[in-house]
Structure formats: structure tokens, C-alpha cells
């Protein structure tokens, strides 16, 4: 099973509220969420926020997406965004890294 990545893009006028919401989600799903990493950033060209979440597989992402807290988070996120969110589901077919 290949690694799986979900990418979320959105704009918000209240990043602090979004950050608080995200921290609450992490706390509420501790020990049950299936993601392996999360990167939060801001696209300096479009002023959109980008969240990149990795999972060991699509099946693990499906399990995480089925958590009631995930659905609640998506609803609350929609209320905090001024544009979006939009989602991309990516099956990883290759990965490389630079040597140290």
C-alpha cells in the first residue's frame, strides 16, 4: 500500500482561531488519528494556507476521515475560511530526499 497525502488549501482572516481548532482536534483524536505527519504553511504568492497531511496508506486516511471529530473539524473549518477549503488526495508514487 503506497503512502497517501491529503492537501487542503484555504484562506482565512482568523488563523489563530484555526490554529486553536486544529490543536483541539489533535487532542480529541489522540491515539485514534492515523496520520503520520502534518505541515501547515502559507503560500506567499496566493496568500492561501496549505495543510499537508501524510498517512501510511489511503486506507489509513479513510479511517481518519471516518472519525466523527474529522467531520466536525471540516464543518468548523468551513466556517473559518473566506475561500475554500479545497482538497486534493494524492497517492505517493515516488519519494526522494537530499543527502545530509
N, C-alpha and C. Protein backbone atom coordinates (compact mmCIF):
# COMPACT_ATOMS: atom_id res chain seq x y z
N UNK A 1 0.84 -1.19 0.00
CA UNK A 1 0.00 0.00 0.00
C UNK A 1 0.88 1.25 0.00
N UNK A 2 0.70 2.10 -0.99
CA UNK A 2 1.53 3.30 -1.05
C UNK A 2 1.11 4.35 -0.01
N UNK A 3 2.08 5.16 0.33
CA UNK A 3 1.82 6.30 1.21
C UNK A 3 0.78 7.20 0.56
N UNK A 4 0.05 7.94 1.38
CA UNK A 4 -1.05 8.76 0.89
C UNK A 4 -0.94 10.14 1.52
N UNK A 5 -1.25 11.18 0.75
CA UNK A 5 -1.14 12.56 1.22
C UNK A 5 -2.45 13.28 0.92
N UNK A 6 -2.93 14.05 1.88
CA UNK A 6 -4.07 14.93 1.66
C UNK A 6 -3.58 16.36 1.77
N UNK A 7 -3.98 17.19 0.81
CA UNK A 7 -3.59 18.59 0.78
C UNK A 7 -4.86 19.43 0.84
N UNK A 8 -4.86 20.37 1.75
CA UNK A 8 -6.00 21.26 1.94
C UNK A 8 -5.51 22.69 1.73
N UNK A 9 -6.26 23.47 0.96
CA UNK A 9 -5.92 24.88 0.71
C UNK A 9 -7.13 25.73 1.05
N UNK A 10 -6.87 26.89 1.67
CA UNK A 10 -7.97 27.80 2.05
C UNK A 10 -7.40 29.15 2.42
N UNK A 11 -8.28 30.11 2.50
CA UNK A 11 -7.93 31.44 3.02
C UNK A 11 -8.74 31.66 4.29
N UNK A 12 -8.16 32.37 5.23
CA UNK A 12 -8.87 32.70 6.46
C UNK A 12 -8.38 34.04 6.98
N UNK A 13 -9.27 34.75 7.63
CA UNK A 13 -8.91 36.02 8.27
C UNK A 13 -8.58 35.80 9.74
N UNK A 14 -8.76 34.56 10.23
CA UNK A 14 -8.57 34.28 11.66
C UNK A 14 -7.74 33.01 11.84
N UNK A 15 -6.45 33.11 11.50
CA UNK A 15 -5.57 31.95 11.63
C UNK A 15 -5.46 31.49 13.08
N UNK A 16 -5.50 32.39 14.04
CA UNK A 16 -5.40 31.99 15.45
C UNK A 16 -6.55 31.07 15.84
N UNK A 17 -7.77 31.38 15.41
CA UNK A 17 -8.91 30.51 15.71
C UNK A 17 -8.74 29.17 15.02
N UNK A 18 -8.22 29.18 13.81
CA UNK A 18 -7.98 27.93 13.09
C UNK A 18 -6.94 27.09 13.81
N UNK A 19 -5.89 27.74 14.27
CA UNK A 19 -4.84 27.03 14.99
C UNK A 19 -5.39 26.41 16.27
N UNK A 20 -6.22 27.14 17.00
CA UNK A 20 -6.85 26.62 18.22
C UNK A 20 -7.72 25.41 17.88
N UNK A 21 -8.49 25.51 16.81
CA UNK A 21 -9.34 24.41 16.37
C UNK A 21 -8.50 23.17 16.04
N UNK A 22 -7.39 23.36 15.36
CA UNK A 22 -6.51 22.25 15.00
C UNK A 22 -5.91 21.59 16.24
N UNK A 23 -5.48 22.38 17.19
CA UNK A 23 -4.92 21.81 18.42
C UNK A 23 -5.97 21.02 19.19
N UNK A 24 -7.21 21.51 19.22
CA UNK A 24 -8.29 20.77 19.87
C UNK A 24 -8.54 19.45 19.16
N UNK A 25 -8.51 19.47 17.84
CA UNK A 25 -8.70 18.24 17.05
C UNK A 25 -7.61 17.22 17.40
N UNK A 26 -6.36 17.66 17.45
CA UNK A 26 -5.27 16.75 17.80
C UNK A 26 -5.50 16.13 19.18
N UNK A 27 -5.92 16.94 20.13
CA UNK A 27 -6.19 16.45 21.48
C UNK A 27 -7.36 15.46 21.49
N UNK A 28 -8.43 15.81 20.79
CA UNK A 28 -9.62 14.97 20.77
C UNK A 28 -9.41 13.63 20.08
N UNK A 29 -8.46 13.56 19.13
CA UNK A 29 -8.25 12.33 18.37
C UNK A 29 -6.96 11.60 18.75
N UNK A 30 -6.31 12.04 19.82
CA UNK A 30 -5.06 11.42 20.25
C UNK A 30 -5.25 9.92 20.44
N UNK A 31 -4.35 9.15 19.85
CA UNK A 31 -4.41 7.70 19.95
C UNK A 31 -5.35 7.05 18.96
N UNK A 32 -6.12 7.84 18.23
CA UNK A 32 -7.06 7.29 17.23
C UNK A 32 -6.80 7.80 15.83
N UNK A 33 -6.22 8.97 15.71
CA UNK A 33 -5.94 9.50 14.37
C UNK A 33 -4.85 8.65 13.73
N UNK A 34 -4.87 8.59 12.41
CA UNK A 34 -3.95 7.70 11.70
C UNK A 34 -2.92 8.44 10.86
N UNK A 35 -2.87 9.77 10.93
CA UNK A 35 -1.89 10.49 10.13
C UNK A 35 -0.51 10.36 10.74
N UNK A 36 0.53 10.46 9.90
CA UNK A 36 1.90 10.32 10.37
C UNK A 36 2.61 11.66 10.49
N UNK A 37 2.16 12.66 9.72
CA UNK A 37 2.76 13.99 9.85
C UNK A 37 1.81 15.03 9.27
N UNK A 38 2.08 16.27 9.65
CA UNK A 38 1.27 17.39 9.19
C UNK A 38 2.19 18.58 9.03
N UNK A 39 2.04 19.28 7.90
CA UNK A 39 2.77 20.52 7.65
C UNK A 39 1.74 21.60 7.39
N UNK A 40 1.86 22.72 8.09
CA UNK A 40 0.96 23.86 7.88
C UNK A 40 1.81 25.01 7.36
N UNK A 41 1.36 25.62 6.29
CA UNK A 41 2.12 26.72 5.72
C UNK A 41 1.22 27.74 5.07
N UNK A 42 1.82 28.82 4.62
CA UNK A 42 1.10 29.86 3.91
C UNK A 42 1.79 30.08 2.58
N UNK A 43 1.03 29.97 1.51
CA UNK A 43 1.55 30.22 0.17
C UNK A 43 1.78 31.72 0.03
N UNK A 44 3.02 32.14 -0.09
CA UNK A 44 3.33 33.57 -0.12
C UNK A 44 2.90 34.23 -1.42
N UNK A 45 2.62 33.44 -2.46
CA UNK A 45 2.17 34.00 -3.73
C UNK A 45 0.66 34.21 -3.77
N UNK A 46 -0.09 33.27 -3.19
CA UNK A 46 -1.56 33.35 -3.27
C UNK A 46 -2.20 33.77 -1.95
N UNK A 47 -1.41 33.82 -0.87
CA UNK A 47 -1.92 34.12 0.48
C UNK A 47 -2.92 33.08 0.97
N UNK A 48 -2.83 31.88 0.42
CA UNK A 48 -3.64 30.77 0.91
C UNK A 48 -2.85 30.01 1.96
N UNK A 49 -3.57 29.42 2.90
CA UNK A 49 -2.95 28.49 3.83
C UNK A 49 -3.01 27.11 3.21
N UNK A 50 -1.99 26.31 3.48
CA UNK A 50 -1.89 24.97 2.94
C UNK A 50 -1.58 24.02 4.09
N UNK A 51 -2.36 22.95 4.17
CA UNK A 51 -2.11 21.90 5.16
C UNK A 51 -1.84 20.63 4.39
N UNK A 52 -0.69 20.01 4.66
CA UNK A 52 -0.30 18.77 4.01
C UNK A 52 -0.23 17.70 5.09
N UNK A 53 -1.06 16.68 4.95
CA UNK A 53 -1.16 15.61 5.95
C UNK A 53 -0.77 14.30 5.29
N UNK A 54 0.16 13.55 5.91
CA UNK A 54 0.57 12.28 5.34
C UNK A 54 0.00 11.12 6.16
N UNK A 55 -0.27 10.05 5.43
CA UNK A 55 -0.80 8.81 6.02
C UNK A 55 0.00 7.64 5.47
N UNK A 56 0.06 6.54 6.19
CA UNK A 56 0.79 5.38 5.67
C UNK A 56 0.11 4.76 4.45
N UNK A 57 -1.19 5.00 4.25
CA UNK A 57 -1.93 4.43 3.12
C UNK A 57 -3.26 5.17 2.96
N UNK A 58 -3.91 4.94 1.83
CA UNK A 58 -5.23 5.51 1.61
C UNK A 58 -6.21 4.95 2.62
N UNK A 59 -6.07 3.67 2.96
CA UNK A 59 -6.95 3.05 3.94
C UNK A 59 -6.84 3.74 5.29
N UNK A 60 -5.62 4.11 5.68
CA UNK A 60 -5.43 4.83 6.94
C UNK A 60 -6.09 6.20 6.88
N UNK A 61 -6.00 6.86 5.71
CA UNK A 61 -6.66 8.16 5.55
C UNK A 61 -8.18 8.00 5.65
N UNK A 62 -8.72 6.94 5.06
CA UNK A 62 -10.16 6.68 5.14
C UNK A 62 -10.61 6.47 6.58
N UNK A 63 -9.81 5.75 7.35
CA UNK A 63 -10.13 5.54 8.77
C UNK A 63 -10.15 6.87 9.50
N UNK A 64 -9.15 7.70 9.25
CA UNK A 64 -9.08 9.02 9.90
C UNK A 64 -10.26 9.89 9.48
N UNK A 65 -10.59 9.86 8.19
CA UNK A 65 -11.70 10.67 7.69
C UNK A 65 -13.04 10.22 8.26
N UNK A 66 -13.14 8.96 8.69
CA UNK A 66 -14.39 8.44 9.25
C UNK A 66 -14.58 8.82 10.72
N UNK A 67 -13.56 9.38 11.36
CA UNK A 67 -13.70 9.79 12.76
C UNK A 67 -14.72 10.92 12.84
N UNK A 68 -15.64 10.88 13.81
CA UNK A 68 -16.62 11.96 13.93
C UNK A 68 -15.96 13.32 14.14
N UNK A 69 -14.81 13.33 14.80
CA UNK A 69 -14.11 14.59 15.03
C UNK A 69 -13.60 15.19 13.72
N UNK A 70 -13.28 14.35 12.74
CA UNK A 70 -12.80 14.85 11.45
C UNK A 70 -13.92 15.58 10.73
N UNK A 71 -15.13 14.99 10.74
CA UNK A 71 -16.27 15.65 10.11
C UNK A 71 -16.59 16.96 10.82
N UNK A 72 -16.54 16.96 12.14
CA UNK A 72 -16.81 18.18 12.90
C UNK A 72 -15.75 19.24 12.61
N UNK A 73 -14.50 18.82 12.49
CA UNK A 73 -13.41 19.75 12.17
C UNK A 73 -13.65 20.38 10.80
N UNK A 74 -14.05 19.57 9.82
CA UNK A 74 -14.28 20.10 8.48
C UNK A 74 -15.40 21.14 8.48
N UNK A 75 -16.45 20.89 9.23
CA UNK A 75 -17.56 21.84 9.32
C UNK A 75 -17.11 23.15 9.96
N UNK A 76 -16.37 23.04 11.05
CA UNK A 76 -15.89 24.24 11.73
C UNK A 76 -14.88 24.99 10.87
N UNK A 77 -14.03 24.25 10.16
CA UNK A 77 -13.05 24.87 9.27
C UNK A 77 -13.76 25.68 8.20
N UNK A 78 -14.83 25.13 7.64
CA UNK A 78 -15.59 25.85 6.62
C UNK A 78 -16.10 27.18 7.13
N UNK A 79 -16.45 27.25 8.41
CA UNK A 79 -16.92 28.50 9.00
C UNK A 79 -15.83 29.52 9.23
N UNK A 80 -14.59 29.07 9.24
CA UNK A 80 -13.46 29.99 9.47
C UNK A 80 -12.78 30.45 8.19
N UNK A 81 -13.14 29.84 7.08
CA UNK A 81 -12.45 30.19 5.84
C UNK A 81 -13.21 31.25 5.06
N UNK A 82 -12.44 32.05 4.35
CA UNK A 82 -13.03 33.04 3.47
C UNK A 82 -13.02 32.55 2.03
N UNK A 83 -12.26 31.52 1.76
CA UNK A 83 -12.18 30.90 0.44
C UNK A 83 -11.71 29.47 0.64
N UNK A 84 -12.53 28.52 0.24
CA UNK A 84 -12.14 27.12 0.40
C UNK A 84 -12.90 26.50 1.54
N UNK A 85 -12.48 25.41 2.03
CA UNK A 85 -11.25 24.72 1.66
C UNK A 85 -11.42 23.89 0.39
N UNK A 86 -10.31 23.66 -0.28
CA UNK A 86 -10.27 22.71 -1.37
C UNK A 86 -9.35 21.57 -0.94
N UNK A 87 -9.61 20.38 -1.43
CA UNK A 87 -8.88 19.19 -1.00
C UNK A 87 -8.29 18.47 -2.21
N UNK A 88 -7.12 17.90 -2.02
CA UNK A 88 -6.50 17.01 -3.00
C UNK A 88 -6.08 15.74 -2.27
N UNK A 89 -6.34 14.60 -2.89
CA UNK A 89 -5.96 13.30 -2.33
C UNK A 89 -4.90 12.71 -3.25
N UNK A 90 -3.71 12.50 -2.71
CA UNK A 90 -2.55 12.13 -3.51
C UNK A 90 -2.01 10.77 -3.10
N UNK A 91 -1.94 9.85 -4.07
CA UNK A 91 -1.25 8.59 -3.83
C UNK A 91 0.22 8.82 -4.18
N UNK A 92 1.10 8.61 -3.23
CA UNK A 92 2.53 8.85 -3.43
C UNK A 92 3.09 7.71 -4.28
N UNK A 93 3.70 8.07 -5.41
CA UNK A 93 4.29 7.05 -6.28
C UNK A 93 5.81 7.14 -6.31
N UNK A 94 6.37 8.12 -5.64
CA UNK A 94 7.82 8.24 -5.55
C UNK A 94 8.17 9.23 -4.46
N UNK A 95 9.35 9.05 -3.89
CA UNK A 95 9.82 9.95 -2.84
C UNK A 95 11.35 9.94 -2.89
N UNK A 96 11.94 11.11 -2.71
CA UNK A 96 13.39 11.20 -2.62
C UNK A 96 13.74 12.23 -1.56
N UNK A 97 14.96 12.21 -1.13
CA UNK A 97 15.43 13.21 -0.17
C UNK A 97 16.88 13.53 -0.49
N UNK A 98 17.30 14.71 -0.07
CA UNK A 98 18.67 15.14 -0.29
C UNK A 98 19.55 14.53 0.80
N UNK A 99 20.73 14.11 0.45
CA UNK A 99 21.65 13.61 1.48
C UNK A 99 22.04 14.72 2.45
N UNK A 100 22.31 14.36 3.66
CA UNK A 100 22.67 15.35 4.68
C UNK A 100 24.05 15.90 4.46
